[in-house]
Amino acid sequence: KPLSRLSLIDLESGKSINTEQVEAHMRPL
């Protein structure tokens, strides 16, 4: 099954939140 995940980045600090994979087929807009 298609799996998707995200990385959310704080541009000022350089820190990132990296999620686990979820059953979906999507991309950030």
PDB file of all heavy atoms in Angstrom:
ATOM      1  N   LYS A   1       0.843  -1.191   0.000  1.00  0.00           N
ATOM      2  CA  LYS A   1       0.000   0.000   0.000  1.00  0.00           C
ATOM      3  C   LYS A   1       0.881   1.245   0.000  1.00  0.00           C
ATOM      4  O   LYS A   1       1.974   1.231   0.593  1.00  0.00           O
ATOM      5  CB  LYS A   1      -0.919   0.009   1.226  1.00  0.00           C
ATOM      6  CG  LYS A   1      -1.884  -1.169   1.270  1.00  0.00           C
ATOM      7  CD  LYS A   1      -2.739  -1.114   2.521  1.00  0.00           C
ATOM      8  CE  LYS A   1      -3.705  -2.300   2.570  1.00  0.00           C
ATOM      9  NZ  LYS A   1      -4.545  -2.267   3.790  1.00  0.00           N
ATOM     10  N   PRO A   2       0.458   2.335  -0.654  1.00  0.00           N
ATOM     11  CA  PRO A   2       1.253   3.567  -0.654  1.00  0.00           C
ATOM     12  C   PRO A   2       1.473   4.106   0.758  1.00  0.00           C
ATOM     13  O   PRO A   2       0.559   4.062   1.590  1.00  0.00           O
ATOM     14  CB  PRO A   2       0.413   4.532  -1.497  1.00  0.00           C
ATOM     15  CG  PRO A   2      -0.483   3.663  -2.308  1.00  0.00           C
ATOM     16  CD  PRO A   2      -0.766   2.469  -1.464  1.00  0.00           C
ATOM     17  N   LEU A   3       2.674   4.613   1.002  1.00  0.00           N
ATOM     18  CA  LEU A   3       3.020   5.172   2.309  1.00  0.00           C
ATOM     19  C   LEU A   3       3.602   6.569   2.104  1.00  0.00           C
ATOM     20  O   LEU A   3       4.364   6.808   1.176  1.00  0.00           O
ATOM     21  CB  LEU A   3       4.039   4.279   3.023  1.00  0.00           C
ATOM     22  CG  LEU A   3       3.601   2.840   3.324  1.00  0.00           C
ATOM     23  CD1 LEU A   3       4.764   2.038   3.883  1.00  0.00           C
ATOM     24  CD2 LEU A   3       2.423   2.823   4.298  1.00  0.00           C
ATOM     25  N   SER A   4       3.236   7.487   3.008  1.00  0.00           N
ATOM     26  CA  SER A   4       3.730   8.860   2.951  1.00  0.00           C
ATOM     27  C   SER A   4       4.166   9.305   4.333  1.00  0.00           C
ATOM     28  O   SER A   4       3.648   8.823   5.350  1.00  0.00           O
ATOM     29  CB  SER A   4       2.660   9.816   2.410  1.00  0.00           C
ATOM     30  OG  SER A   4       2.303   9.476   1.092  1.00  0.00           O
ATOM     31  N   ARG A   5       5.104  10.250   4.379  1.00  0.00           N
ATOM     32  CA  ARG A   5       5.550  10.832   5.644  1.00  0.00           C
ATOM     33  C   ARG A   5       6.011  12.257   5.393  1.00  0.00           C
ATOM     34  O   ARG A   5       6.177  12.686   4.245  1.00  0.00           O
ATOM     35  CB  ARG A   5       6.667  10.005   6.281  1.00  0.00           C
ATOM     36  CG  ARG A   5       7.948   9.949   5.472  1.00  0.00           C
ATOM     37  CD  ARG A   5       8.952   8.988   6.084  1.00  0.00           C
ATOM     38  NE  ARG A   5      10.171   8.887   5.288  1.00  0.00           N
ATOM     39  CZ  ARG A   5      11.253   9.618   5.476  1.00  0.00           C
ATOM     40  NH1 ARG A   5      11.275  10.533   6.451  1.00  0.00           N
ATOM     41  NH2 ARG A   5      12.320   9.463   4.721  1.00  0.00           N
ATOM     42  N   LEU A   6       6.220  13.006   6.490  1.00  0.00           N
ATOM     43  CA  LEU A   6       6.590  14.410   6.399  1.00  0.00           C
ATOM     44  C   LEU A   6       7.799  14.717   7.265  1.00  0.00           C
ATOM     45  O   LEU A   6       8.043  14.069   8.281  1.00  0.00           O
ATOM     46  CB  LEU A   6       5.430  15.305   6.857  1.00  0.00           C
ATOM     47  CG  LEU A   6       4.280  15.566   5.892  1.00  0.00           C
ATOM     48  CD1 LEU A   6       3.205  16.383   6.598  1.00  0.00           C
ATOM     49  CD2 LEU A   6       4.762  16.284   4.647  1.00  0.00           C
ATOM     50  N   SER A   7       8.539  15.729   6.819  1.00  0.00           N
ATOM     51  CA  SER A   7       9.565  16.353   7.654  1.00  0.00           C
ATOM     52  C   SER A   7       9.204  17.836   7.756  1.00  0.00           C
ATOM     53  O   SER A   7       9.172  18.531   6.738  1.00  0.00           O
ATOM     54  CB  SER A   7      10.959  16.189   7.055  1.00  0.00           C
ATOM     55  OG  SER A   7      11.403  14.860   7.145  1.00  0.00           O
ATOM     56  N   LEU A   8       8.933  18.305   8.965  1.00  0.00           N
ATOM     57  CA  LEU A   8       8.601  19.709   9.203  1.00  0.00           C
ATOM     58  C   LEU A   8       9.837  20.385   9.779  1.00  0.00           C
ATOM     59  O   LEU A   8      10.345  19.984  10.819  1.00  0.00           O
ATOM     60  CB  LEU A   8       7.413  19.832  10.156  1.00  0.00           C
ATOM     61  CG  LEU A   8       6.867  21.247  10.362  1.00  0.00           C
ATOM     62  CD1 LEU A   8       6.299  21.802   9.063  1.00  0.00           C
ATOM     63  CD2 LEU A   8       5.791  21.252  11.436  1.00  0.00           C
ATOM     64  N   ILE A   9      10.317  21.415   9.106  1.00  0.00           N
ATOM     65  CA  ILE A   9      11.595  22.041   9.453  1.00  0.00           C
ATOM     66  C   ILE A   9      11.363  23.447   9.982  1.00  0.00           C
ATOM     67  O   ILE A   9      10.607  24.221   9.400  1.00  0.00           O
ATOM     68  CB  ILE A   9      12.514  22.097   8.218  1.00  0.00           C
ATOM     69  CG1 ILE A   9      12.686  20.695   7.626  1.00  0.00           C
ATOM     70  CG2 ILE A   9      13.860  22.704   8.560  1.00  0.00           C
ATOM     71  CD1 ILE A   9      13.260  20.710   6.240  1.00  0.00           C
ATOM     72  N   ASP A  10      12.015  23.785  11.083  1.00  0.00           N
ATOM     73  CA  ASP A  10      12.042  25.148  11.589  1.00  0.00           C
ATOM     74  C   ASP A  10      13.250  25.846  10.961  1.00  0.00           C
ATOM     75  O   ASP A  10      14.395  25.504  11.247  1.00  0.00           O
ATOM     76  CB  ASP A  10      12.153  25.149  13.112  1.00  0.00           C
ATOM     77  CG  ASP A  10      12.032  26.549  13.688  1.00  0.00           C
ATOM     78  OD1 ASP A  10      12.997  27.331  13.561  1.00  0.00           O
ATOM     79  OD2 ASP A  10      10.964  26.888  14.247  1.00  0.00           O
ATOM     80  N   LEU A  11      12.985  26.811  10.086  1.00  0.00           N
ATOM     81  CA  LEU A  11      14.066  27.434   9.314  1.00  0.00           C
ATOM     82  C   LEU A  11      15.008  28.252  10.180  1.00  0.00           C
ATOM     83  O   LEU A  11      16.190  28.399   9.864  1.00  0.00           O
ATOM     84  CB  LEU A  11      13.458  28.324   8.216  1.00  0.00           C
ATOM     85  CG  LEU A  11      12.572  27.616   7.193  1.00  0.00           C
ATOM     86  CD1 LEU A  11      11.964  28.630   6.232  1.00  0.00           C
ATOM     87  CD2 LEU A  11      13.357  26.567   6.422  1.00  0.00           C
ATOM     88  N   GLU A  12      14.491  28.806  11.271  1.00  0.00           N
ATOM     89  CA  GLU A  12      15.327  29.674  12.113  1.00  0.00           C
ATOM     90  C   GLU A  12      16.276  28.874  12.994  1.00  0.00           C
ATOM     91  O   GLU A  12      17.433  29.254  13.191  1.00  0.00           O
ATOM     92  CB  GLU A  12      14.444  30.574  12.970  1.00  0.00           C
ATOM     93  CG  GLU A  12      15.208  31.658  13.715  1.00  0.00           C
ATOM     94  CD  GLU A  12      14.279  32.623  14.405  1.00  0.00           C
ATOM     95  OE1 GLU A  12      13.109  32.262  14.667  1.00  0.00           O
ATOM     96  OE2 GLU A  12      14.709  33.763  14.685  1.00  0.00           O
ATOM     97  N   SER A  13      15.804  27.745  13.530  1.00  0.00           N
ATOM     98  CA  SER A  13      16.635  26.944  14.423  1.00  0.00           C
ATOM     99  C   SER A  13      17.326  25.786  13.711  1.00  0.00           C
ATOM    100  O   SER A  13      18.322  25.251  14.210  1.00  0.00           O
ATOM    101  CB  SER A  13      15.782  26.385  15.566  1.00  0.00           C
ATOM    102  OG  SER A  13      14.805  25.474  15.062  1.00  0.00           O
ATOM    103  N   GLY A  14      16.794  25.374  12.555  1.00  0.00           N
ATOM    104  CA  GLY A  14      17.370  24.240  11.848  1.00  0.00           C
ATOM    105  C   GLY A  14      16.908  22.898  12.374  1.00  0.00           C
ATOM    106  O   GLY A  14      17.374  21.858  11.917  1.00  0.00           O
ATOM    107  N   LYS A  15      15.983  22.892  13.318  1.00  0.00           N
ATOM    108  CA  LYS A  15      15.467  21.641  13.864  1.00  0.00           C
ATOM    109  C   LYS A  15      14.343  21.111  12.976  1.00  0.00           C
ATOM    110  O   LYS A  15      13.668  21.876  12.288  1.00  0.00           O
ATOM    111  CB  LYS A  15      14.960  21.855  15.291  1.00  0.00           C
ATOM    112  CG  LYS A  15      16.048  22.276  16.271  1.00  0.00           C
ATOM    113  CD  LYS A  15      15.476  22.459  17.664  1.00  0.00           C
ATOM    114  CE  LYS A  15      16.570  22.863  18.656  1.00  0.00           C
ATOM    115  NZ  LYS A  15      16.016  23.059  20.025  1.00  0.00           N
ATOM    116  N   SER A  16      14.144  19.803  13.018  1.00  0.00           N
ATOM    117  CA  SER A  16      13.110  19.197  12.189  1.00  0.00           C
ATOM    118  C   SER A  16      12.334  18.148  12.972  1.00  0.00           C
ATOM    119  O   SER A  16      12.859  17.530  13.899  1.00  0.00           O
ATOM    120  CB  SER A  16      13.726  18.549  10.944  1.00  0.00           C
ATOM    121  OG  SER A  16      14.606  17.517  11.301  1.00  0.00           O
ATOM    122  N   ILE A  17      11.067  18.006  12.615  1.00  0.00           N
ATOM    123  CA  ILE A  17      10.213  16.956  13.149  1.00  0.00           C
ATOM    124  C   ILE A  17       9.964  15.974  12.021  1.00  0.00           C
ATOM    125  O   ILE A  17       9.463  16.351  10.965  1.00  0.00           O
ATOM    126  CB  ILE A  17       8.871  17.523  13.658  1.00  0.00           C
ATOM    127  CG1 ILE A  17       9.103  18.537  14.776  1.00  0.00           C
ATOM    128  CG2 ILE A  17       7.952  16.408  14.137  1.00  0.00           C
ATOM    129  CD1 ILE A  17       7.835  19.234  15.225  1.00  0.00           C
ATOM    130  N   ASN A  18      10.311  14.729  12.229  1.00  0.00           N
ATOM    131  CA  ASN A  18      10.191  13.723  11.191  1.00  0.00           C
ATOM    132  C   ASN A  18       9.137  12.699  11.604  1.00  0.00           C
ATOM    133  O   ASN A  18       9.283  12.024  12.624  1.00  0.00           O
ATOM    134  CB  ASN A  18      11.537  13.042  10.954  1.00  0.00           C
ATOM    135  CG  ASN A  18      12.633  14.045  10.642  1.00  0.00           C
ATOM    136  OD1 ASN A  18      12.513  14.813   9.695  1.00  0.00           O
ATOM    137  ND2 ASN A  18      13.685  14.068  11.449  1.00  0.00           N
ATOM    138  N   THR A  19       8.082  12.608  10.841  1.00  0.00           N
ATOM    139  CA  THR A  19       6.975  11.740  11.214  1.00  0.00           C
ATOM    140  C   THR A  19       7.209  10.310  10.751  1.00  0.00           C
ATOM    141  O   THR A  19       8.071  10.027   9.918  1.00  0.00           O
ATOM    142  CB  THR A  19       5.663  12.240  10.585  1.00  0.00           C
ATOM    143  OG1 THR A  19       5.714  12.013   9.163  1.00  0.00           O
ATOM    144  CG2 THR A  19       5.462  13.712  10.835  1.00  0.00           C
ATOM    145  N   GLU A  20       6.407   9.427  11.287  1.00  0.00           N
ATOM    146  CA  GLU A  20       6.393   8.048  10.824  1.00  0.00           C
ATOM    147  C   GLU A  20       5.572   7.966   9.539  1.00  0.00           C
ATOM    148  O   GLU A  20       4.853   8.888   9.175  1.00  0.00           O
ATOM    149  CB  GLU A  20       5.779   7.145  11.896  1.00  0.00           C
ATOM    150  CG  GLU A  20       6.560   7.130  13.207  1.00  0.00           C
ATOM    151  CD  GLU A  20       5.863   6.308  14.262  1.00  0.00           C
ATOM    152  OE1 GLU A  20       4.702   5.908  14.017  1.00  0.00           O
ATOM    153  OE2 GLU A  20       6.462   6.056  15.311  1.00  0.00           O
ATOM    154  N   GLN A  21       5.676   6.845   8.838  1.00  0.00           N
ATOM    155  CA  GLN A  21       4.913   6.638   7.621  1.00  0.00           C
ATOM    156  C   GLN A  21       3.452   6.346   7.947  1.00  0.00           C
ATOM    157  O   GLN A  21       3.142   5.701   8.941  1.00  0.00           O
ATOM    158  CB  GLN A  21       5.498   5.484   6.809  1.00  0.00           C
ATOM    159  CG  GLN A  21       6.853   5.784   6.186  1.00  0.00           C
ATOM    160  CD  GLN A  21       7.396   4.605   5.415  1.00  0.00           C
ATOM    161  OE1 GLN A  21       7.217   3.469   5.814  1.00  0.00           O
ATOM    162  NE2 GLN A  21       8.075   4.868   4.314  1.00  0.00           N
ATOM    163  N   VAL A  22       2.572   6.877   7.092  1.00  0.00           N
ATOM    164  CA  VAL A  22       1.142   6.599   7.223  1.00  0.00           C
ATOM    165  C   VAL A  22       0.643   6.071   5.879  1.00  0.00           C
ATOM    166  O   VAL A  22       1.235   6.340   4.828  1.00  0.00           O
ATOM    167  CB  VAL A  22       0.345   7.861   7.618  1.00  0.00           C
ATOM    168  CG1 VAL A  22       0.746   8.343   8.985  1.00  0.00           C
ATOM    169  CG2 VAL A  22       0.531   8.965   6.591  1.00  0.00           C
ATOM    170  N   GLU A  23      -0.435   5.342   5.928  1.00  0.00           N
ATOM    171  CA  GLU A  23      -0.998   4.768   4.705  1.00  0.00           C
ATOM    172  C   GLU A  23      -1.723   5.856   3.929  1.00  0.00           C
ATOM    173  O   GLU A  23      -2.858   6.202   4.205  1.00  0.00           O
ATOM    174  CB  GLU A  23      -1.955   3.629   5.060  1.00  0.00           C
ATOM    175  CG  GLU A  23      -2.493   2.883   3.848  1.00  0.00           C
ATOM    176  CD  GLU A  23      -3.408   1.750   4.254  1.00  0.00           C
ATOM    177  OE1 GLU A  23      -3.085   1.045   5.236  1.00  0.00           O
ATOM    178  OE2 GLU A  23      -4.454   1.562   3.597  1.00  0.00           O
ATOM    179  N   ALA A  24      -1.040   6.421   2.959  1.00  0.00           N
ATOM    180  CA  ALA A  24      -1.584   7.516   2.150  1.00  0.00           C
ATOM    181  C   ALA A  24      -0.643   7.754   0.986  1.00  0.00           C
ATOM    182  O   ALA A  24       0.489   7.267   0.975  1.00  0.00           O
ATOM    183  CB  ALA A  24      -1.748   8.785   2.978  1.00  0.00           C
ATOM    184  N   HIS A  25      -1.125   8.521   0.007  1.00  0.00           N
ATOM    185  CA  HIS A  25      -0.291   8.908  -1.124  1.00  0.00           C
ATOM    186  C   HIS A  25      -0.519  10.394  -1.371  1.00  0.00           C
ATOM    187  O   HIS A  25      -1.271  10.796  -2.250  1.00  0.00           O
ATOM    188  CB  HIS A  25      -0.649   8.090  -2.372  1.00  0.00           C
ATOM    189  CG  HIS A  25       0.370   8.230  -3.470  1.00  0.00           C
ATOM    190  ND1 HIS A  25       0.205   7.696  -4.712  1.00  0.00           N
ATOM    191  CD2 HIS A  25       1.586   8.855  -3.501  1.00  0.00           C
ATOM    192  CE1 HIS A  25       1.245   7.962  -5.470  1.00  0.00           C
ATOM    193  NE2 HIS A  25       2.095   8.677  -4.754  1.00  0.00           N
ATOM    194  N   MET A  26       0.170  11.235  -0.560  1.00  0.00           N
ATOM    195  CA  MET A  26      -0.023  12.670  -0.608  1.00  0.00           C
ATOM    196  C   MET A  26       1.321  13.373  -0.484  1.00  0.00           C
ATOM    197  O   MET A  26       2.316  12.794  -0.022  1.00  0.00           O
ATOM    198  CB  MET A  26      -0.979  13.144   0.491  1.00  0.00           C
ATOM    199  CG  MET A  26      -2.319  12.436   0.525  1.00  0.00           C
ATOM    200  SD  MET A  26      -3.581  13.348   1.443  1.00  0.00           S
ATOM    201  CE  MET A  26      -4.087  14.567   0.239  1.00  0.00           C
ATOM    202  N   ARG A  27       1.330  14.657  -0.887  1.00  0.00           N
ATOM    203  CA  ARG A  27       2.528  15.485  -0.783  1.00  0.00           C
ATOM    204  C   ARG A  27       2.133  16.849  -0.239  1.00  0.00           C
ATOM    205  O   ARG A  27       0.987  17.283  -0.381  1.00  0.00           O
ATOM    206  CB  ARG A  27       3.202  15.624  -2.146  1.00  0.00           C
ATOM    207  CG  ARG A  27       2.385  16.386  -3.171  1.00  0.00           C
ATOM    208  CD  ARG A  27       3.167  16.613  -4.445  1.00  0.00           C
ATOM    209  NE  ARG A  27       2.388  17.311  -5.464  1.00  0.00           N
ATOM    210  CZ  ARG A  27       2.262  18.626  -5.528  1.00  0.00           C
ATOM    211  NH1 ARG A  27       2.847  19.396  -4.617  1.00  0.00           N
ATOM    212  NH2 ARG A  27       1.550  19.191  -6.491  1.00  0.00           N
ATOM    213  N   PRO A  28       3.068  17.585   0.392  1.00  0.00           N
ATOM    214  CA  PRO A  28       2.746  18.917   0.925  1.00  0.00           C
ATOM    215  C   PRO A  28       2.547  19.934  -0.183  1.00  0.00           C
ATOM    216  O   PRO A  28       3.315  19.980  -1.139  1.00  0.00           O
ATOM    217  CB  PRO A  28       3.960  19.246   1.794  1.00  0.00           C
ATOM    218  CG  PRO A  28       5.072  18.434   1.224  1.00  0.00           C
ATOM    219  CD  PRO A  28       4.451  17.184   0.707  1.00  0.00           C
ATOM    220  N   LEU A  29       1.508  20.754  -0.016  1.00  0.00           N
ATOM    221  CA  LEU A  29       1.233  21.825  -0.969  1.00  0.00           C
ATOM    222  C   LEU A  29       1.556  23.185  -0.363  1.00  0.00           C
ATOM    223  O   LEU A  29       2.033  24.077  -1.051  1.00  0.00           O
ATOM    224  CB  LEU A  29      -0.237  21.777  -1.401  1.00  0.00           C
ATOM    225  CG  LEU A  29      -0.670  22.731  -2.503  1.00  0.00           C
ATOM    226  CD1 LEU A  29       0.079  22.423  -3.797  1.00  0.00           C
ATOM    227  CD2 LEU A  29      -2.172  22.639  -2.741  1.00  0.00           C
TER     228      LEU A  29
END
